[in-house]
């Protein structure tokens, strides 16, 4: 496998197909097809650390985006109708739609039509719209802040093996964990302030 991947990597460096990138080599390491030492040998030790770092940052960025786009489950309804959970995707278009939906509430709207993931459109109350917005923003903020903290951690590492071992979702070491917790506490306080202001306005 190492020889095959070496050929594919060299193809990529020379603009030939089929090929594999440094990110592809990292995926091969993650799957156990080659070792990190094999990847360093294929890439070349002079540039291996920075190439592996760039590939790892691209990998964690993609993982962050995947988690966000997968969306959120939000309890909607009320005691009279019964509360149930609906799923909302969070592609960039979905995020814009939810932001616009919430803007209607900010401007005084009491209800507005929208659709959950299943595609059925219904009218959501201002309270439900706020819940959708807050849940979506909480996920986006949490994942984006975590991504940035993990990226900062990757950027201080100096060994290829350490960089390659980083996984999206892992527990952050100090001081990155404390810094992340502090930022998320600020975000949570602001979300609570928004909910309080909406409650006072209704």
Protein backbone atom coordinates (compact mmCIF):
# COMPACT_ATOMS: atom_id res chain seq x y z
CA UNK A 1 0.00 0.00 0.00
CA UNK A 2 2.83 2.40 0.86
CA UNK A 3 4.41 1.98 -2.58
CA UNK A 4 1.06 2.54 -4.30
CA UNK A 5 0.34 5.67 -2.27
CA UNK A 6 3.85 6.95 -2.94
CA UNK A 7 3.23 6.65 -6.68
CA UNK A 8 -0.15 8.37 -6.36
CA UNK A 9 1.33 11.20 -4.27
CA UNK A 10 4.14 11.75 -6.77
CA UNK A 11 1.51 11.81 -9.53
CA UNK A 12 -0.26 14.61 -7.69
CA UNK A 13 2.96 16.57 -7.33
CA UNK A 14 3.47 16.27 -11.09
CA UNK A 15 -0.12 17.08 -12.07
CA UNK A 16 -0.90 13.52 -13.14
CA UNK A 17 -3.89 11.27 -12.47
CA UNK A 18 -4.76 9.20 -10.57
CA UNK A 19 -3.29 10.95 -7.55
CA UNK A 20 -3.54 11.39 -3.79
CA UNK A 21 -2.95 14.54 -1.73
CA UNK A 22 -1.32 14.96 1.69
CA UNK A 23 -4.83 14.91 3.12
CA UNK A 24 -5.40 11.58 1.41
CA UNK A 25 -2.22 10.26 3.01
CA UNK A 26 -3.52 11.36 6.41
CA UNK A 27 -6.74 9.47 5.73
CA UNK A 28 -4.66 6.41 4.89
CA UNK A 29 -2.86 6.79 8.24
CA UNK A 30 -6.21 7.10 10.04
CA UNK A 31 -7.44 3.89 8.36
CA UNK A 32 -4.27 2.03 9.35
CA UNK A 33 -3.12 1.48 5.76
CA UNK A 34 0.22 3.21 6.38
CA UNK A 35 2.02 4.65 9.39
CA UNK A 36 2.69 8.34 9.99
CA UNK A 37 6.35 7.53 9.38
CA UNK A 38 5.37 6.18 5.96
CA UNK A 39 3.47 9.40 5.22
CA UNK A 40 6.44 11.53 6.27
CA UNK A 41 8.73 9.44 4.06
CA UNK A 42 6.37 9.79 1.08
CA UNK A 43 5.96 13.55 1.50
CA UNK A 44 9.61 14.18 2.35
CA UNK A 45 10.80 15.11 5.82
CA UNK A 46 11.80 18.66 4.84
CA UNK A 47 8.23 19.73 4.21
CA UNK A 48 6.24 16.96 5.91
CA UNK A 49 5.30 18.83 9.08
CA UNK A 50 3.84 21.87 7.33
CA UNK A 51 2.06 19.78 4.69
CA UNK A 52 0.58 17.51 7.36
CA UNK A 53 -0.42 20.59 9.38
CA UNK A 54 -2.19 22.15 6.39
CA UNK A 55 -3.93 18.86 5.61
CA UNK A 56 -5.01 18.45 9.23
CA UNK A 57 -6.41 21.99 9.38
CA UNK A 58 -8.36 21.32 6.18
CA UNK A 59 -9.63 18.05 7.70
CA UNK A 60 -10.87 19.66 10.93
CA UNK A 61 -12.46 22.52 8.99
CA UNK A 62 -14.38 20.01 6.86
CA UNK A 63 -15.42 18.08 9.99
CA UNK A 64 -16.69 21.29 11.63
CA UNK A 65 -18.72 22.15 8.55
CA UNK A 66 -20.18 18.64 8.40
CA UNK A 67 -21.39 18.85 12.00
CA UNK A 68 -22.96 22.27 11.44
CA UNK A 69 -24.67 21.41 8.15
CA UNK A 70 -26.11 18.23 9.71
CA UNK A 71 -28.26 20.61 11.73
CA UNK A 72 -30.19 20.54 14.98
CA UNK A 73 -33.17 18.88 16.60
CA UNK A 74 -35.54 21.42 18.17
CA UNK A 75 -38.52 20.70 20.45
CA UNK A 76 -41.49 22.65 19.05
CA UNK A 77 -45.18 22.89 19.83
CA UNK A 78 -46.89 23.70 23.11
CA UNK A 79 -48.88 22.02 25.85
CA UNK A 80 -52.12 22.23 23.90
CA UNK A 81 -50.68 20.80 20.67
CA UNK A 82 -48.10 18.56 22.30
CA UNK A 83 -44.36 19.06 22.07
CA UNK A 84 -42.42 17.13 19.45
CA UNK A 85 -38.95 17.32 17.91
CA UNK A 86 -38.28 18.61 14.41
CA UNK A 87 -34.95 18.59 12.59
CA UNK A 88 -33.49 21.64 10.82
CA UNK A 89 -30.51 21.43 8.48
CA UNK A 90 -27.97 24.24 8.67
CA UNK A 91 -26.48 24.71 5.23
CA UNK A 92 -25.52 28.33 4.56
CA UNK A 93 -28.86 28.82 2.82
CA UNK A 94 -30.71 27.32 5.79
CA UNK A 95 -28.75 29.53 8.18
CA UNK A 96 -29.74 32.62 6.19
CA UNK A 97 -33.38 31.53 6.15
CA UNK A 98 -33.42 30.98 9.93
CA UNK A 99 -31.71 34.33 10.51
CA UNK A 100 -34.36 36.04 8.35
CA UNK A 101 -37.09 34.14 10.17
CA UNK A 102 -35.76 35.35 13.51
CA UNK A 103 -35.55 38.92 12.16
CA UNK A 104 -39.33 38.80 11.65
CA UNK A 105 -39.72 38.06 15.37
CA UNK A 106 -37.28 40.83 16.30
CA UNK A 107 -39.40 43.26 14.29
CA UNK A 108 -42.52 42.24 16.18
CA UNK A 109 -43.87 39.31 14.18
CA UNK A 110 -45.78 36.75 16.23
CA UNK A 111 -45.70 33.85 13.75
CA UNK A 112 -44.35 32.95 10.34
CA UNK A 113 -44.34 29.97 7.94
CA UNK A 114 -41.21 27.84 7.58
CA UNK A 115 -40.32 24.22 6.89
CA UNK A 116 -38.40 21.65 8.88
CA UNK A 117 -36.18 19.02 7.29
CA UNK A 118 -39.07 16.81 6.27
CA UNK A 119 -40.14 19.52 3.82
CA UNK A 120 -43.58 20.19 5.26
CA UNK A 121 -44.28 23.89 5.70
CA UNK A 122 -46.21 25.11 8.71
CA UNK A 123 -46.66 28.28 10.72
CA UNK A 124 -44.30 28.60 13.66
CA UNK A 125 -44.98 30.83 16.65
CA UNK A 126 -42.51 33.51 17.74
CA UNK A 127 -41.51 31.28 20.66
CA UNK A 128 -40.81 28.35 18.33
CA UNK A 129 -38.87 30.59 15.92
CA UNK A 130 -36.75 31.85 18.81
CA UNK A 131 -36.08 28.26 19.91
CA UNK A 132 -35.03 27.28 16.37
CA UNK A 133 -32.73 30.32 16.11
CA UNK A 134 -31.16 29.91 19.55
CA UNK A 135 -30.55 26.18 19.05
CA UNK A 136 -29.03 26.74 15.61
CA UNK A 137 -26.81 29.61 16.76
CA UNK A 138 -25.67 27.65 19.80
CA UNK A 139 -24.53 24.76 17.60
CA UNK A 140 -22.84 27.07 15.08
CA UNK A 141 -21.06 29.08 17.77
CA UNK A 142 -20.00 26.01 19.75
CA UNK A 143 -18.61 24.18 16.73
CA UNK A 144 -16.94 27.24 15.21
CA UNK A 145 -15.29 28.22 18.50
CA UNK A 146 -14.16 24.63 19.08
CA UNK A 147 -12.79 24.44 15.52
CA UNK A 148 -10.81 27.65 16.03
CA UNK A 149 -9.40 26.41 19.35
CA UNK A 150 -8.42 23.06 17.84
CA UNK A 151 -6.80 24.83 14.88
CA UNK A 152 -4.80 27.01 17.30
CA UNK A 153 -3.66 23.85 19.08
CA UNK A 154 -2.60 22.24 15.79
CA UNK A 155 -0.61 25.36 14.95
CA UNK A 156 1.52 25.14 18.11
CA UNK A 157 2.43 21.47 17.62
CA UNK A 158 5.85 20.77 16.14
CA UNK A 159 5.86 17.02 15.48
CA UNK A 160 4.15 15.42 12.48
CA UNK A 161 3.01 12.49 14.62
CA UNK A 162 1.30 14.80 17.11
CA UNK A 163 -0.42 16.76 14.36
CA UNK A 164 -1.62 13.63 12.56
CA UNK A 165 -3.11 12.27 15.80
CA UNK A 166 -5.44 15.27 16.26
CA UNK A 167 -9.11 14.36 15.78
CA UNK A 168 -12.11 16.68 15.54
CA UNK A 169 -14.17 16.24 18.70
CA UNK A 170 -11.22 15.39 20.95
CA UNK A 171 -10.90 17.03 24.35
CA UNK A 172 -8.76 20.14 24.19
CA UNK A 173 -5.72 20.52 26.45
CA UNK A 174 -5.10 23.63 28.55
CA UNK A 175 -5.06 26.55 28.02
CA UNK A 176 -7.22 25.95 24.93
CA UNK A 177 -10.03 24.26 26.88
CA UNK A 178 -10.37 27.12 29.38
CA UNK A 179 -10.27 29.76 26.66
CA UNK A 180 -12.99 27.91 24.75
CA UNK A 181 -15.17 27.57 27.86
CA UNK A 182 -14.82 31.30 28.53
CA UNK A 183 -15.90 32.23 25.00
CA UNK A 184 -18.85 29.84 25.07
CA UNK A 185 -19.98 31.29 28.42
CA UNK A 186 -20.12 34.75 26.80
CA UNK A 187 -22.14 33.36 23.89
CA UNK A 188 -24.55 31.58 26.26
CA UNK A 189 -25.08 34.77 28.26
CA UNK A 190 -25.94 36.67 25.08
CA UNK A 191 -28.42 33.99 23.97
CA UNK A 192 -30.11 34.19 27.37
CA UNK A 193 -30.23 38.00 27.08
CA UNK A 194 -31.93 37.69 23.69
CA UNK A 195 -34.54 35.32 25.13
CA UNK A 196 -35.16 37.64 28.07
CA UNK A 197 -35.60 40.65 25.79
CA UNK A 198 -38.04 38.72 23.60
CA UNK A 199 -39.97 37.64 26.69
CA UNK A 200 -40.27 41.23 27.87
CA UNK A 201 -41.45 42.38 24.45
CA UNK A 202 -44.21 39.77 24.19
